[in-house]
């Protein structure tokens, strides 16, 4: 997830205009390598409404179509929503409110990694339930002062182990953390 230097993933009204999108080949390669082993993408409804049409338009346009865009459109998605009963998009399964049960079932299936692209509410719920194994936080060199945090549903401290970090030419630094078992 992209995150501001002061810990927000969007402004108070969902603003994302502060994010760095001038991505060079270095950060694009990192994201491609992170995404390659995934065979499922989790999205919240609000993010899905922009994410899915964006990537469809990207691959439908011969001038912008590329392998990464195809990966984003062809990878099956699960959209969590309380208000949308059926998917208006191709390659999407809708999920309701049983977040722990849905994730437990997904983790039991054979296959690749499960990626969470957001949004803020879904990521916060997954973190609050202890369902995230790895965190790749794309820290933008911008402080926004207020907004939505993905760590707001924690019930106490969550211990993480730094597995790596990498800085990129556009000023973003990725912090890669692993979840620690509860007893450590």
N, C-alpha and C. Protein backbone atom coordinates (compact mmCIF):
# COMPACT_ATOMS: atom_id res chain seq x y z
N UNK A 1 0.84 -1.18 0.00
CA UNK A 1 0.00 0.00 0.00
C UNK A 1 0.87 1.23 0.00
N UNK A 2 0.41 2.24 -0.71
CA UNK A 2 1.06 3.54 -0.62
C UNK A 2 0.61 4.19 0.68
N UNK A 3 1.54 4.84 1.34
CA UNK A 3 1.26 5.44 2.63
C UNK A 3 2.05 6.75 2.72
N UNK A 4 1.47 7.72 3.38
CA UNK A 4 2.17 8.99 3.56
C UNK A 4 3.23 8.83 4.65
N UNK A 5 4.15 9.76 4.69
CA UNK A 5 5.20 9.72 5.69
C UNK A 5 4.64 9.73 7.11
N UNK A 6 3.46 10.36 7.28
CA UNK A 6 2.83 10.40 8.60
C UNK A 6 1.77 9.32 8.81
N UNK A 7 1.77 8.30 7.95
CA UNK A 7 1.01 7.08 8.22
C UNK A 7 -0.40 6.98 7.67
N UNK A 8 -0.76 7.80 6.70
CA UNK A 8 -2.10 7.73 6.14
C UNK A 8 -2.08 7.13 4.73
N UNK A 9 -3.15 6.42 4.36
CA UNK A 9 -3.23 5.83 3.02
C UNK A 9 -4.10 6.65 2.09
N UNK A 10 -4.82 7.61 2.64
CA UNK A 10 -5.58 8.57 1.86
C UNK A 10 -5.97 9.71 2.78
N UNK A 11 -6.42 10.79 2.18
CA UNK A 11 -6.89 11.92 2.98
C UNK A 11 -8.20 11.58 3.67
N UNK A 12 -8.74 12.50 4.46
CA UNK A 12 -9.97 12.24 5.21
C UNK A 12 -11.17 11.90 4.33
N UNK A 13 -11.16 12.40 3.10
CA UNK A 13 -12.27 12.13 2.17
C UNK A 13 -11.83 11.22 1.03
N UNK A 14 -10.79 10.44 1.26
CA UNK A 14 -10.30 9.50 0.25
C UNK A 14 -9.32 10.11 -0.73
N UNK A 15 -8.83 11.32 -0.50
CA UNK A 15 -7.92 11.97 -1.44
C UNK A 15 -6.63 11.18 -1.59
N UNK A 16 -6.20 11.04 -2.83
CA UNK A 16 -4.94 10.35 -3.11
C UNK A 16 -4.04 11.21 -4.00
N UNK A 17 -4.32 12.49 -4.06
CA UNK A 17 -3.56 13.40 -4.91
C UNK A 17 -2.13 13.64 -4.43
N UNK A 18 -1.80 13.22 -3.25
CA UNK A 18 -0.47 13.40 -2.67
C UNK A 18 0.48 12.26 -3.02
N UNK A 19 -0.03 11.19 -3.60
CA UNK A 19 0.80 10.02 -3.90
C UNK A 19 1.74 10.29 -5.06
N UNK A 20 2.93 9.71 -4.99
CA UNK A 20 3.91 9.83 -6.07
C UNK A 20 3.62 8.79 -7.14
N UNK A 21 3.32 9.26 -8.34
CA UNK A 21 3.03 8.34 -9.44
C UNK A 21 4.07 8.44 -10.56
N UNK A 22 5.11 9.21 -10.34
CA UNK A 22 6.18 9.30 -11.34
C UNK A 22 7.15 8.14 -11.15
N UNK A 23 6.63 6.95 -11.39
CA UNK A 23 7.37 5.73 -11.14
C UNK A 23 8.35 5.44 -12.27
N UNK A 24 9.59 5.21 -11.88
CA UNK A 24 10.60 4.80 -12.84
C UNK A 24 10.64 3.28 -12.96
N UNK A 25 11.56 2.82 -13.77
CA UNK A 25 11.69 1.38 -13.99
C UNK A 25 12.03 0.63 -12.71
N UNK A 26 12.74 1.29 -11.78
CA UNK A 26 13.14 0.62 -10.55
C UNK A 26 11.94 0.21 -9.69
N UNK A 27 11.03 1.12 -9.45
CA UNK A 27 9.86 0.81 -8.62
C UNK A 27 8.86 -0.06 -9.38
N UNK A 28 8.75 0.14 -10.69
CA UNK A 28 7.87 -0.72 -11.49
C UNK A 28 8.34 -2.17 -11.42
N UNK A 29 9.64 -2.38 -11.48
CA UNK A 29 10.20 -3.74 -11.40
C UNK A 29 9.88 -4.36 -10.04
N UNK A 30 10.02 -3.58 -8.97
CA UNK A 30 9.70 -4.08 -7.63
C UNK A 30 8.25 -4.54 -7.56
N UNK A 31 7.34 -3.72 -8.06
CA UNK A 31 5.91 -4.06 -8.03
C UNK A 31 5.62 -5.27 -8.91
N UNK A 32 6.24 -5.36 -10.06
CA UNK A 32 6.04 -6.52 -10.93
C UNK A 32 6.52 -7.80 -10.26
N UNK A 33 7.66 -7.75 -9.60
CA UNK A 33 8.18 -8.93 -8.90
C UNK A 33 7.30 -9.31 -7.72
N UNK A 34 6.77 -8.31 -7.03
CA UNK A 34 5.86 -8.56 -5.91
C UNK A 34 4.55 -9.18 -6.39
N UNK A 35 4.08 -8.74 -7.53
CA UNK A 35 2.79 -9.17 -8.07
C UNK A 35 2.85 -10.50 -8.80
N UNK A 36 3.99 -10.83 -9.38
CA UNK A 36 4.11 -12.02 -10.24
C UNK A 36 3.58 -13.31 -9.61
N UNK A 37 3.90 -13.65 -8.35
CA UNK A 37 3.43 -14.92 -7.80
C UNK A 37 1.98 -14.91 -7.30
N UNK A 38 1.30 -13.79 -7.42
CA UNK A 38 -0.08 -13.68 -6.92
C UNK A 38 -1.07 -14.27 -7.91
N UNK A 39 -2.06 -14.97 -7.36
CA UNK A 39 -3.14 -15.46 -8.21
C UNK A 39 -4.51 -15.00 -7.71
N UNK A 40 -4.51 -14.11 -6.72
CA UNK A 40 -5.76 -13.53 -6.20
C UNK A 40 -5.46 -12.11 -5.72
N UNK A 41 -6.37 -11.19 -6.06
CA UNK A 41 -6.27 -9.81 -5.58
C UNK A 41 -7.51 -9.50 -4.77
N UNK A 42 -7.31 -8.96 -3.56
CA UNK A 42 -8.42 -8.54 -2.71
C UNK A 42 -8.57 -7.03 -2.80
N UNK A 43 -9.84 -6.59 -2.93
CA UNK A 43 -10.14 -5.18 -3.01
C UNK A 43 -11.38 -4.87 -2.20
N UNK A 44 -11.43 -3.68 -1.65
CA UNK A 44 -12.66 -3.16 -1.10
C UNK A 44 -13.49 -2.58 -2.24
N UNK A 45 -14.79 -2.45 -2.05
CA UNK A 45 -15.67 -1.97 -3.11
C UNK A 45 -15.28 -0.60 -3.64
N UNK A 46 -15.00 0.33 -2.74
CA UNK A 46 -14.68 1.70 -3.19
C UNK A 46 -13.45 1.71 -4.09
N UNK A 47 -12.40 1.01 -3.69
CA UNK A 47 -11.21 0.96 -4.52
C UNK A 47 -11.49 0.21 -5.82
N UNK A 48 -12.25 -0.87 -5.74
CA UNK A 48 -12.56 -1.66 -6.94
C UNK A 48 -13.23 -0.82 -8.03
N UNK A 49 -14.05 0.12 -7.60
CA UNK A 49 -14.78 0.95 -8.57
C UNK A 49 -13.85 1.78 -9.45
N UNK A 50 -12.66 2.07 -9.00
CA UNK A 50 -11.69 2.77 -9.83
C UNK A 50 -10.61 1.85 -10.38
N UNK A 51 -10.15 0.91 -9.56
CA UNK A 51 -9.06 0.01 -9.90
C UNK A 51 -9.40 -0.87 -11.10
N UNK A 52 -10.53 -1.54 -11.05
CA UNK A 52 -10.88 -2.50 -12.11
C UNK A 52 -11.10 -1.80 -13.45
N UNK A 53 -11.91 -0.73 -13.52
CA UNK A 53 -12.06 -0.03 -14.80
C UNK A 53 -10.75 0.59 -15.31
N UNK A 54 -9.90 1.07 -14.40
CA UNK A 54 -8.61 1.64 -14.82
C UNK A 54 -7.78 0.60 -15.57
N UNK A 55 -7.63 -0.59 -14.98
CA UNK A 55 -6.78 -1.59 -15.61
C UNK A 55 -7.43 -2.17 -16.86
N UNK A 56 -8.74 -2.25 -16.91
CA UNK A 56 -9.41 -2.70 -18.13
C UNK A 56 -9.16 -1.72 -19.26
N UNK A 57 -9.31 -0.43 -18.99
CA UNK A 57 -9.06 0.60 -20.01
C UNK A 57 -7.59 0.57 -20.43
N UNK A 58 -6.71 0.31 -19.49
CA UNK A 58 -5.27 0.25 -19.77
C UNK A 58 -4.96 -0.84 -20.79
N UNK A 59 -5.53 -2.04 -20.60
CA UNK A 59 -5.23 -3.13 -21.54
C UNK A 59 -6.06 -3.06 -22.81
N UNK A 60 -7.20 -2.38 -22.76
CA UNK A 60 -8.01 -2.23 -23.97
C UNK A 60 -7.43 -1.20 -24.94
N UNK A 61 -6.55 -0.36 -24.46
CA UNK A 61 -5.93 0.67 -25.29
C UNK A 61 -4.61 0.13 -25.84
N UNK A 62 -4.50 -0.05 -27.16
CA UNK A 62 -3.25 -0.59 -27.73
C UNK A 62 -2.01 0.24 -27.37
N UNK A 63 -2.18 1.52 -27.11
CA UNK A 63 -1.03 2.37 -26.78
C UNK A 63 -0.50 2.13 -25.37
N UNK A 64 -1.33 1.58 -24.47
CA UNK A 64 -0.90 1.38 -23.09
C UNK A 64 -0.87 -0.09 -22.65
N UNK A 65 -1.46 -0.97 -23.45
CA UNK A 65 -1.53 -2.39 -23.07
C UNK A 65 -0.13 -2.95 -22.85
N UNK A 66 0.03 -3.67 -21.74
CA UNK A 66 1.30 -4.30 -21.43
C UNK A 66 1.06 -5.52 -20.55
N UNK A 67 2.12 -6.25 -20.26
CA UNK A 67 2.00 -7.48 -19.47
C UNK A 67 1.50 -7.20 -18.06
N UNK A 68 1.96 -6.11 -17.44
CA UNK A 68 1.51 -5.81 -16.09
C UNK A 68 0.02 -5.50 -16.06
N UNK A 69 -0.45 -4.74 -17.02
CA UNK A 69 -1.88 -4.45 -17.11
C UNK A 69 -2.70 -5.71 -17.30
N UNK A 70 -2.19 -6.63 -18.12
CA UNK A 70 -2.89 -7.91 -18.30
C UNK A 70 -2.91 -8.70 -16.99
N UNK A 71 -1.82 -8.65 -16.24
CA UNK A 71 -1.77 -9.33 -14.94
C UNK A 71 -2.85 -8.75 -14.03
N UNK A 72 -2.99 -7.43 -14.02
CA UNK A 72 -3.98 -6.77 -13.17
C UNK A 72 -5.42 -7.10 -13.59
N UNK A 73 -5.66 -7.29 -14.87
CA UNK A 73 -7.02 -7.60 -15.32
C UNK A 73 -7.33 -9.09 -15.28
N UNK A 74 -6.34 -9.93 -15.56
CA UNK A 74 -6.58 -11.36 -15.65
C UNK A 74 -6.54 -12.07 -14.30
N UNK A 75 -5.90 -11.49 -13.31
CA UNK A 75 -5.84 -12.13 -11.99
C UNK A 75 -7.22 -12.06 -11.34
N UNK A 76 -7.76 -13.20 -10.90
CA UNK A 76 -9.07 -13.17 -10.24
C UNK A 76 -9.06 -12.25 -9.02
N UNK A 77 -10.16 -11.56 -8.85
CA UNK A 77 -10.30 -10.61 -7.75
C UNK A 77 -11.46 -11.00 -6.86
N UNK A 78 -11.31 -10.69 -5.59
CA UNK A 78 -12.40 -10.81 -4.63
C UNK A 78 -12.65 -9.42 -4.09
N UNK A 79 -13.87 -8.95 -4.24
CA UNK A 79 -14.25 -7.62 -3.78
C UNK A 79 -15.14 -7.77 -2.56
N UNK A 80 -14.73 -7.13 -1.47
CA UNK A 80 -15.51 -7.15 -0.23
C UNK A 80 -16.43 -5.95 -0.20
N UNK A 81 -17.72 -6.23 -0.03
CA UNK A 81 -18.71 -5.14 -0.02
C UNK A 81 -19.91 -5.54 0.82
N UNK A 82 -20.43 -4.55 1.54
CA UNK A 82 -21.69 -4.75 2.26
C UNK A 82 -22.87 -4.26 1.43
N UNK A 83 -22.59 -3.45 0.41
CA UNK A 83 -23.67 -2.80 -0.33
C UNK A 83 -23.85 -3.29 -1.76
N UNK A 84 -22.87 -3.96 -2.32
CA UNK A 84 -22.95 -4.41 -3.71
C UNK A 84 -23.18 -5.91 -3.73
N UNK A 85 -24.40 -6.36 -4.05
CA UNK A 85 -24.70 -7.79 -3.96
C UNK A 85 -24.10 -8.64 -5.09
N UNK A 86 -23.89 -8.04 -6.26
CA UNK A 86 -23.36 -8.79 -7.39
C UNK A 86 -22.31 -7.94 -8.10
N UNK A 87 -21.37 -8.60 -8.72
CA UNK A 87 -20.28 -7.90 -9.39
C UNK A 87 -20.70 -7.37 -10.75
N UNK A 88 -20.43 -6.10 -11.02
CA UNK A 88 -20.65 -5.57 -12.37
C UNK A 88 -19.43 -5.80 -13.27
N UNK A 89 -18.38 -6.45 -12.72
CA UNK A 89 -17.12 -6.62 -13.45
C UNK A 89 -16.88 -8.10 -13.75
N UNK A 90 -16.09 -8.33 -14.80
CA UNK A 90 -15.64 -9.67 -15.14
C UNK A 90 -14.53 -10.10 -14.17
N UNK A 91 -14.42 -11.40 -13.96
CA UNK A 91 -13.31 -11.98 -13.21
C UNK A 91 -13.30 -11.56 -11.74
N UNK A 92 -14.49 -11.29 -11.19
CA UNK A 92 -14.61 -10.82 -9.81
C UNK A 92 -15.63 -11.67 -9.07
N UNK A 93 -15.25 -12.07 -7.85
CA UNK A 93 -16.17 -12.74 -6.93
C UNK A 93 -16.46 -11.76 -5.81
N UNK A 94 -17.70 -11.65 -5.44
CA UNK A 94 -18.08 -10.76 -4.35
C UNK A 94 -18.02 -11.53 -3.03
N UNK A 95 -17.59 -10.84 -1.99
CA UNK A 95 -17.55 -11.42 -0.65
C UNK A 95 -18.25 -10.46 0.30
N UNK A 96 -18.83 -11.01 1.32
CA UNK A 96 -19.58 -10.20 2.28
C UNK A 96 -18.78 -9.88 3.51
N UNK A 97 -19.38 -10.10 4.66
CA UNK A 97 -18.82 -9.63 5.91
C UNK A 97 -17.96 -10.65 6.66
N UNK A 98 -17.92 -11.91 6.23
CA UNK A 98 -17.13 -12.91 6.96
C UNK A 98 -15.68 -12.86 6.50
N UNK A 99 -15.01 -11.80 6.88
CA UNK A 99 -13.63 -11.60 6.46
C UNK A 99 -12.71 -12.72 6.94
N UNK A 100 -12.68 -13.05 8.24
CA UNK A 100 -11.78 -14.13 8.69
C UNK A 100 -12.07 -15.46 8.00
N UNK A 101 -13.34 -15.80 7.84
CA UNK A 101 -13.70 -17.07 7.20
C UNK A 101 -13.30 -17.10 5.75
N UNK A 102 -13.52 -16.00 5.03
CA UNK A 102 -13.15 -15.93 3.62
C UNK A 102 -11.65 -16.06 3.45
N UNK A 103 -10.89 -15.36 4.26
CA UNK A 103 -9.42 -15.42 4.16
C UNK A 103 -8.91 -16.81 4.53
N UNK A 104 -9.47 -17.40 5.56
CA UNK A 104 -9.05 -18.76 5.96
C UNK A 104 -9.29 -19.74 4.81
N UNK A 105 -10.45 -19.64 4.16
CA UNK A 105 -10.73 -20.53 3.01
C UNK A 105 -9.74 -20.29 1.87
N UNK A 106 -9.45 -19.03 1.57
CA UNK A 106 -8.52 -18.71 0.49
C UNK A 106 -7.13 -19.26 0.78
N UNK A 107 -6.68 -19.14 2.03
CA UNK A 107 -5.34 -19.61 2.39
C UNK A 107 -5.23 -21.13 2.33
N UNK A 108 -6.34 -21.83 2.40
CA UNK A 108 -6.32 -23.30 2.32
C UNK A 108 -6.25 -23.79 0.88
N UNK A 109 -6.59 -22.93 -0.08
CA UNK A 109 -6.59 -23.33 -1.48
C UNK A 109 -5.16 -23.41 -2.01
N UNK A 110 -4.92 -24.33 -2.94
CA UNK A 110 -3.59 -24.35 -3.57
C UNK A 110 -3.46 -23.13 -4.47
N UNK A 111 -2.24 -22.71 -4.69
CA UNK A 111 -2.04 -21.59 -5.59
C UNK A 111 -1.00 -20.62 -5.08
N UNK A 112 -1.02 -19.45 -5.67
CA UNK A 112 -0.02 -18.43 -5.38
C UNK A 112 -0.41 -17.51 -4.25
N UNK A 113 0.22 -16.36 -4.25
CA UNK A 113 0.02 -15.37 -3.20
C UNK A 113 -1.33 -14.66 -3.36
N UNK A 114 -1.77 -14.09 -2.26
CA UNK A 114 -2.97 -13.25 -2.22
C UNK A 114 -2.50 -11.83 -1.94
N UNK A 115 -2.82 -10.91 -2.83
CA UNK A 115 -2.43 -9.51 -2.65
C UNK A 115 -3.63 -8.68 -2.23
N UNK A 116 -3.40 -7.73 -1.35
CA UNK A 116 -4.43 -6.78 -0.96
C UNK A 116 -3.99 -5.43 -1.49
N UNK A 117 -4.77 -4.86 -2.38
CA UNK A 117 -4.46 -3.53 -2.88
C UNK A 117 -5.20 -2.46 -2.09
N UNK A 118 -6.16 -2.83 -1.29
CA UNK A 118 -6.90 -1.85 -0.48
C UNK A 118 -8.37 -1.93 -0.80
N UNK A 119 -9.08 -1.00 -0.36
CA UNK A 119 -8.79 0.29 0.20
C UNK A 119 -8.55 0.25 1.71
N UNK A 120 -8.63 1.46 2.23
CA UNK A 120 -8.27 1.69 3.62
C UNK A 120 -9.10 0.84 4.58
N UNK A 121 -10.40 0.77 4.37
CA UNK A 121 -11.26 0.02 5.29
C UNK A 121 -10.97 -1.47 5.26
N UNK A 122 -10.81 -2.02 4.06
CA UNK A 122 -10.51 -3.45 3.95
C UNK A 122 -9.15 -3.76 4.57
N UNK A 123 -8.13 -2.97 4.24
CA UNK A 123 -6.80 -3.22 4.81
C UNK A 123 -6.84 -3.11 6.32
N UNK A 124 -7.53 -2.11 6.85
CA UNK A 124 -7.62 -1.93 8.31
C UNK A 124 -8.30 -3.14 8.96
N UNK A 125 -9.35 -3.65 8.34
CA UNK A 125 -10.05 -4.81 8.89
C UNK A 125 -9.16 -6.05 8.87
N UNK A 126 -8.44 -6.27 7.77
CA UNK A 126 -7.53 -7.41 7.67
C UNK A 126 -6.42 -7.31 8.71
N UNK A 127 -5.84 -6.12 8.87
CA UNK A 127 -4.79 -5.92 9.87
C UNK A 127 -5.35 -6.12 11.26
N UNK A 128 -6.53 -5.56 11.53
CA UNK A 128 -7.15 -5.69 12.84
C UNK A 128 -7.42 -7.13 13.23
N UNK A 129 -7.72 -7.97 12.24
CA UNK A 129 -7.99 -9.39 12.48
C UNK A 129 -6.72 -10.24 12.47
N UNK A 130 -5.57 -9.62 12.23
CA UNK A 130 -4.30 -10.37 12.19
C UNK A 130 -4.17 -11.25 10.97
N UNK A 131 -4.73 -10.84 9.83
CA UNK A 131 -4.77 -11.68 8.64
C UNK A 131 -3.71 -11.34 7.59
N UNK A 132 -2.82 -10.42 7.90
CA UNK A 132 -1.77 -10.02 6.95
C UNK A 132 -0.47 -10.71 7.34
N UNK A 133 0.15 -11.38 6.37
CA UNK A 133 1.42 -12.07 6.61
C UNK A 133 2.61 -11.18 6.27
N UNK A 134 2.49 -10.36 5.23
CA UNK A 134 3.57 -9.48 4.78
C UNK A 134 3.01 -8.09 4.55
N UNK A 135 3.80 -7.09 4.88
CA UNK A 135 3.45 -5.69 4.61
C UNK A 135 4.50 -5.11 3.68
N UNK A 136 4.06 -4.53 2.58
CA UNK A 136 4.94 -3.77 1.69
C UNK A 136 4.37 -2.36 1.68
N UNK A 137 4.95 -1.50 2.50
CA UNK A 137 4.45 -0.13 2.66
C UNK A 137 5.28 0.81 1.80
N UNK A 138 4.64 1.41 0.81
CA UNK A 138 5.30 2.33 -0.10
C UNK A 138 5.20 3.73 0.50
N UNK A 139 6.21 4.11 1.27
CA UNK A 139 6.18 5.37 2.00
C UNK A 139 6.52 6.51 1.05
N UNK A 140 5.52 7.37 0.83
CA UNK A 140 5.69 8.53 -0.03
C UNK A 140 6.35 9.66 0.76
N UNK A 141 7.18 10.47 0.09
CA UNK A 141 7.87 11.56 0.79
C UNK A 141 6.95 12.77 0.97
N UNK A 142 5.78 12.52 1.53
CA UNK A 142 4.79 13.56 1.73
C UNK A 142 4.07 13.32 3.05
N UNK A 143 3.91 14.37 3.84
CA UNK A 143 3.08 14.31 5.04
C UNK A 143 1.78 15.04 4.71
N UNK A 144 0.63 14.45 5.07
CA UNK A 144 -0.65 15.07 4.73
C UNK A 144 -1.43 15.56 5.94
N UNK A 145 -0.95 15.28 7.14
CA UNK A 145 -1.53 15.86 8.35
C UNK A 145 -2.75 15.17 8.91
N UNK A 146 -3.58 14.62 8.05
CA UNK A 146 -4.76 13.89 8.51
C UNK A 146 -5.23 12.97 7.39
N UNK A 147 -5.98 11.96 7.77
CA UNK A 147 -6.47 11.02 6.77
C UNK A 147 -6.88 9.72 7.40
N UNK A 148 -6.89 8.68 6.58
CA UNK A 148 -7.31 7.35 7.02
C UNK A 148 -6.09 6.47 7.22
N UNK A 149 -6.05 5.81 8.35
CA UNK A 149 -4.95 4.91 8.70
C UNK A 149 -5.41 3.46 8.54
N UNK A 150 -4.51 2.62 8.11
CA UNK A 150 -4.84 1.19 8.02
C UNK A 150 -4.57 0.47 9.33
N UNK A 151 -4.03 1.17 10.31
CA UNK A 151 -3.71 0.54 11.58
C UNK A 151 -4.67 0.94 12.69
N UNK A 152 -5.78 1.56 12.36
CA UNK A 152 -6.72 2.07 13.35
C UNK A 152 -7.56 1.03 14.06
N UNK A 153 -7.60 -0.21 13.57
CA UNK A 153 -8.42 -1.24 14.20
C UNK A 153 -7.61 -2.22 15.04
N UNK A 154 -6.35 -1.90 15.28
CA UNK A 154 -5.53 -2.77 16.13
C UNK A 154 -6.05 -2.75 17.55
N UNK A 155 -6.01 -3.91 18.16
CA UNK A 155 -6.41 -4.04 19.56
C UNK A 155 -5.14 -4.31 20.36
N UNK A 156 -4.29 -3.32 20.47
CA UNK A 156 -2.99 -3.50 21.11
C UNK A 156 -1.88 -3.40 20.09
N UNK A 157 -0.68 -3.73 20.52
CA UNK A 157 0.48 -3.65 19.65
C UNK A 157 0.51 -4.82 18.67
N UNK A 158 1.08 -4.59 17.51
CA UNK A 158 1.31 -5.64 16.52
C UNK A 158 2.80 -5.65 16.22
N UNK A 159 3.47 -6.70 16.61
CA UNK A 159 4.90 -6.82 16.39
C UNK A 159 5.17 -7.26 14.96
N UNK A 160 6.08 -6.55 14.30
CA UNK A 160 6.47 -6.86 12.94
C UNK A 160 7.98 -7.01 12.89
N UNK A 161 8.46 -7.73 11.89
CA UNK A 161 9.88 -7.94 11.71
C UNK A 161 10.29 -7.36 10.36
N UNK A 162 11.25 -6.42 10.38
CA UNK A 162 11.70 -5.82 9.13
C UNK A 162 12.42 -6.87 8.29
N UNK A 163 11.91 -7.09 7.08
CA UNK A 163 12.51 -8.07 6.17
C UNK A 163 13.31 -7.39 5.07
N UNK A 164 13.12 -6.08 4.90
CA UNK A 164 13.88 -5.37 3.88
C UNK A 164 13.33 -3.97 3.67
N UNK A 165 14.12 -3.18 2.99
CA UNK A 165 13.69 -1.85 2.59
C UNK A 165 14.41 -1.49 1.31
N UNK A 166 13.78 -0.62 0.54
CA UNK A 166 14.40 -0.19 -0.71
C UNK A 166 13.90 1.21 -1.05
N UNK A 167 14.84 2.07 -1.40
CA UNK A 167 14.50 3.43 -1.82
C UNK A 167 14.51 3.50 -3.33
N UNK A 168 13.67 4.37 -3.87
CA UNK A 168 13.55 4.51 -5.32
C UNK A 168 13.80 5.94 -5.75
N UNK A 169 14.11 6.13 -7.02
CA UNK A 169 14.48 7.44 -7.55
C UNK A 169 13.41 8.50 -7.35
N UNK A 170 12.13 8.11 -7.28
CA UNK A 170 11.06 9.11 -7.12
C UNK A 170 10.83 9.52 -5.67
N UNK A 171 11.65 9.01 -4.75
CA UNK A 171 11.55 9.39 -3.35
C UNK A 171 10.78 8.43 -2.48
N UNK A 172 10.08 7.47 -3.07
CA UNK A 172 9.35 6.46 -2.30
C UNK A 172 10.36 5.47 -1.72
N UNK A 173 10.11 5.07 -0.48
CA UNK A 173 10.87 3.99 0.15
C UNK A 173 9.88 2.89 0.52
N UNK A 174 10.17 1.67 0.10
CA UNK A 174 9.32 0.55 0.47
C UNK A 174 9.90 -0.09 1.72
N UNK A 175 9.04 -0.25 2.73
CA UNK A 175 9.38 -0.97 3.95
C UNK A 175 8.66 -2.30 3.89
N UNK A 176 9.40 -3.39 3.97
CA UNK A 176 8.86 -4.74 3.86
C UNK A 176 8.96 -5.40 5.23
N UNK A 177 7.80 -5.68 5.83
CA UNK A 177 7.72 -6.29 7.15
C UNK A 177 7.00 -7.63 7.07
N UNK A 178 7.39 -8.53 7.96
CA UNK A 178 6.70 -9.79 8.15
C UNK A 178 5.98 -9.75 9.48
N UNK A 179 4.80 -10.36 9.54
CA UNK A 179 4.09 -10.47 10.81
C UNK A 179 4.84 -11.45 11.71
N UNK A 180 4.90 -11.15 12.98
CA UNK A 180 5.49 -12.08 13.95
C UNK A 180 4.36 -12.88 14.58
N UNK A 181 4.61 -14.14 14.88
CA UNK A 181 3.59 -14.90 15.61
C UNK A 181 3.23 -14.17 16.91
N UNK A 182 2.00 -14.35 17.36
CA UNK A 182 1.48 -13.64 18.54
C UNK A 182 2.32 -13.86 19.80
N UNK A 183 3.00 -15.00 19.92
CA UNK A 183 3.74 -15.28 21.16
C UNK A 183 5.17 -14.74 21.13
N UNK A 184 5.58 -14.06 20.09
CA UNK A 184 6.95 -13.52 20.04
C UNK A 184 6.96 -12.07 20.43
